Amino acid sequence: MRQIAEALGVSKAALYYHFRDKEELLLAILDSYLDEMDTALQAIRQEQLDARRQIHALVELILFQPADQRAVIRLSSQEMAQLSLPARQAFDRAYHRKFLDPIRLILEEGIQSGELRPVDPTVATWALLGMMYPYFYPAHSGDLLPPAEVAERLVQIFLDGIALP
């Protein structure tokens, strides 16, 4: 908390005025990120794009974020064990409702429209996020390819596979 207060240029007491403890601060950071993602994902879904374009927009949304912002997703998975059970459960519900469910719905709608093969949309959601997971690390933010090209290649591999037809 001292380091955070110093980075913000406030006293530790001022930080504790707004956040009871580290857990509450972490949850506020995670909730804020999930709110941003929920708003962005809802906007993507409302654009009435086909599933491929929605998936592409989702991947670009994440990859175009600054590396430290993308790292929030990784941070959430790494720090969950440090949270109290009620806090973990509350975060898990919010994570599903605001992040995983909208992605799963994009895939479900693509399956229902016949644009995507009938696969388990939950498994497909995790597969897509798993492909992007290395890019949630700030160290990968300077990879050789620009984010737009990485997004295009990830979407192509996710939707078209790598096997020869």
Protein backbone atom coordinates (compact mmCIF):
# COMPACT_ATOMS: atom_id res chain seq x y z
CA MET A 1 0.00 0.00 0.00
CA ARG A 2 2.95 2.31 0.71
CA GLN A 3 4.32 1.83 -2.81
CA ILE A 4 0.92 2.46 -4.37
CA ALA A 5 0.43 5.61 -2.29
CA GLU A 6 3.88 6.86 -3.31
CA ALA A 7 3.19 6.14 -6.98
CA LEU A 8 -0.05 8.10 -6.74
CA GLY A 9 1.53 10.93 -4.82
CA VAL A 10 -0.80 10.55 -1.85
CA SER A 11 -0.30 9.49 1.72
CA LYS A 12 -0.91 5.94 2.82
CA ALA A 13 -3.67 7.29 5.08
CA ALA A 14 -5.37 8.87 2.07
CA LEU A 15 -5.29 5.54 0.28
CA TYR A 16 -6.78 3.78 3.30
CA TYR A 17 -9.49 6.45 3.41
CA HIS A 18 -10.76 5.14 0.07
CA PHE A 19 -9.86 1.45 0.41
CA ARG A 20 -10.12 -0.60 3.59
CA ASP A 21 -7.24 -2.91 2.62
CA LYS A 22 -5.26 -4.38 -0.28
CA GLU A 23 -8.09 -6.77 -1.12
CA GLU A 24 -10.57 -3.93 -1.55
CA LEU A 25 -8.09 -2.00 -3.71
CA LEU A 26 -7.42 -5.03 -5.90
CA LEU A 27 -11.14 -5.68 -6.30
CA ALA A 28 -11.71 -2.04 -7.27
CA ILE A 29 -9.01 -2.31 -9.96
CA LEU A 30 -10.43 -5.58 -11.26
CA ASP A 31 -14.03 -4.34 -11.17
CA SER A 32 -13.10 -1.18 -13.04
CA TYR A 33 -11.40 -3.21 -15.76
CA LEU A 34 -14.35 -5.60 -16.01
CA ASP A 35 -16.75 -2.65 -16.31
CA GLU A 36 -14.68 -1.24 -19.19
CA MET A 37 -14.55 -4.62 -20.91
CA ASP A 38 -18.28 -5.18 -20.43
CA THR A 39 -19.08 -1.82 -22.01
CA ALA A 40 -16.73 -2.48 -24.92
CA LEU A 41 -18.00 -6.04 -25.47
CA GLN A 42 -21.61 -4.87 -25.43
CA ALA A 43 -20.73 -2.23 -28.03
CA ILE A 44 -19.12 -4.88 -30.23
CA ARG A 45 -22.17 -7.13 -29.91
CA GLN A 46 -24.54 -4.26 -30.77
CA GLU A 47 -22.73 -3.46 -34.02
CA GLN A 48 -24.55 -6.37 -35.71
CA LEU A 49 -21.32 -7.72 -37.18
CA ASP A 50 -20.91 -11.36 -38.14
CA ALA A 51 -19.18 -13.60 -35.63
CA ARG A 52 -15.79 -13.41 -37.34
CA ARG A 53 -15.79 -9.61 -37.24
CA GLN A 54 -16.97 -9.57 -33.63
CA ILE A 55 -14.20 -11.97 -32.63
CA HIS A 56 -11.69 -9.86 -34.52
CA ALA A 57 -12.97 -6.72 -32.78
CA LEU A 58 -12.68 -8.47 -29.40
CA VAL A 59 -9.09 -9.58 -30.04
CA GLU A 60 -8.14 -6.09 -31.25
CA LEU A 61 -9.88 -4.55 -28.23
CA ILE A 62 -7.61 -6.52 -25.93
CA LEU A 63 -4.39 -6.35 -27.95
CA PHE A 64 -4.66 -2.61 -28.54
CA GLN A 65 -4.86 -1.93 -24.80
CA PRO A 66 -1.68 -0.69 -23.18
CA ALA A 67 0.35 -3.61 -21.83
CA ASP A 68 -0.28 -2.66 -18.19
CA GLN A 69 -4.03 -2.61 -18.82
CA ARG A 70 -3.94 -6.04 -20.50
CA ALA A 71 -1.95 -7.28 -17.51
CA VAL A 72 -5.03 -6.80 -15.30
CA ILE A 73 -6.48 -10.05 -16.69
CA ARG A 74 -3.30 -11.91 -15.77
CA LEU A 75 -3.17 -10.17 -12.40
CA SER A 76 -6.68 -11.34 -11.58
CA SER A 77 -5.81 -14.98 -12.14
CA GLN A 78 -2.56 -14.72 -10.19
CA GLU A 79 -4.04 -12.95 -7.18
CA MET A 80 -7.29 -14.86 -6.72
CA ALA A 81 -5.78 -17.19 -4.11
CA GLN A 82 -4.94 -14.15 -1.97
CA LEU A 83 -8.56 -13.01 -1.74
CA SER A 84 -11.10 -14.07 0.83
CA LEU A 85 -13.64 -16.66 -0.31
CA PRO A 86 -16.52 -14.14 -0.51
CA ALA A 87 -14.34 -11.75 -2.53
CA ARG A 88 -13.24 -14.56 -4.89
CA GLN A 89 -16.83 -15.63 -5.41
CA ALA A 90 -18.00 -12.07 -6.08
CA PHE A 91 -15.17 -11.50 -8.54
CA ASP A 92 -15.82 -14.83 -10.25
CA ARG A 93 -19.47 -13.91 -10.79
CA ALA A 94 -18.53 -10.49 -12.18
CA TYR A 95 -15.78 -12.00 -14.38
CA HIS A 96 -18.24 -14.41 -15.93
CA ARG A 97 -21.05 -11.88 -16.33
CA LYS A 98 -18.96 -9.00 -17.68
CA PHE A 99 -16.19 -10.77 -19.61
CA LEU A 100 -16.63 -14.47 -20.29
CA ASP A 101 -20.38 -14.51 -20.96
CA PRO A 102 -20.33 -11.80 -23.67
CA ILE A 103 -17.53 -13.65 -25.47
CA ARG A 104 -19.40 -16.94 -25.15
CA LEU A 105 -22.54 -15.26 -26.54
CA ILE A 106 -20.66 -14.05 -29.62
CA LEU A 107 -19.56 -17.63 -30.25
CA GLU A 108 -23.01 -19.09 -29.49
CA GLU A 109 -24.66 -16.69 -31.93
CA GLY A 110 -22.07 -17.58 -34.58
CA ILE A 111 -22.85 -21.25 -34.04
CA GLN A 112 -26.61 -20.67 -34.17
CA SER A 113 -26.31 -18.66 -37.38
CA GLY A 114 -24.27 -21.44 -39.00
CA GLU A 115 -21.22 -19.24 -39.37
CA LEU A 116 -19.23 -21.31 -36.87
CA ARG A 117 -19.02 -25.06 -36.41
CA PRO A 118 -21.09 -26.48 -33.57
CA VAL A 119 -18.57 -26.64 -30.74
CA ASP A 120 -18.91 -26.09 -27.02
CA PRO A 121 -18.94 -22.26 -26.79
CA THR A 122 -17.50 -22.29 -23.28
CA VAL A 123 -14.51 -24.38 -24.37
CA ALA A 124 -14.12 -22.15 -27.44
CA THR A 125 -14.16 -19.05 -25.21
CA TRP A 126 -11.37 -20.42 -23.05
CA ALA A 127 -9.44 -21.53 -26.16
CA LEU A 128 -9.61 -18.02 -27.63
CA LEU A 129 -8.53 -16.42 -24.37
CA GLY A 130 -5.80 -19.03 -23.98
CA MET A 131 -4.40 -18.04 -27.35
CA MET A 132 -4.27 -14.43 -26.21
CA TYR A 133 -2.94 -15.12 -22.71
CA PRO A 134 0.76 -14.59 -23.57
CA TYR A 135 -0.16 -11.07 -24.72
CA PHE A 136 -1.51 -10.24 -21.25
CA TYR A 137 2.12 -10.04 -20.09
CA PRO A 138 3.76 -6.63 -20.47
CA ALA A 139 6.94 -8.34 -21.70
CA HIS A 140 5.07 -9.48 -24.82
CA SER A 141 3.86 -5.99 -25.66
CA GLY A 142 6.90 -5.34 -27.82
CA ASP A 143 6.69 -8.52 -29.88
CA LEU A 144 7.86 -8.32 -33.46
CA LEU A 145 4.45 -7.78 -35.03
CA PRO A 146 2.15 -4.80 -34.54
CA PRO A 147 -1.05 -5.53 -32.55
CA ALA A 148 -3.27 -5.35 -35.66
CA GLU A 149 -1.24 -8.06 -37.37
CA VAL A 150 -1.14 -10.24 -34.24
CA ALA A 151 -4.91 -9.86 -33.93
CA GLU A 152 -5.44 -10.85 -37.55
CA ARG A 153 -3.23 -13.92 -37.22
CA LEU A 154 -4.78 -15.03 -33.93
CA VAL A 155 -8.30 -14.75 -35.33
CA GLN A 156 -7.29 -16.62 -38.47
CA ILE A 157 -5.73 -19.46 -36.47
CA PHE A 158 -8.67 -19.55 -34.06
CA LEU A 159 -11.35 -19.61 -36.75
CA ASP A 160 -9.59 -21.39 -39.61
CA GLY A 161 -7.12 -23.61 -37.75
CA ILE A 162 -3.66 -24.48 -38.93
CA ALA A 163 -4.36 -27.78 -40.66
CA LEU A 164 -4.39 -27.92 -44.43
CA PRO A 165 -7.89 -28.20 -45.91
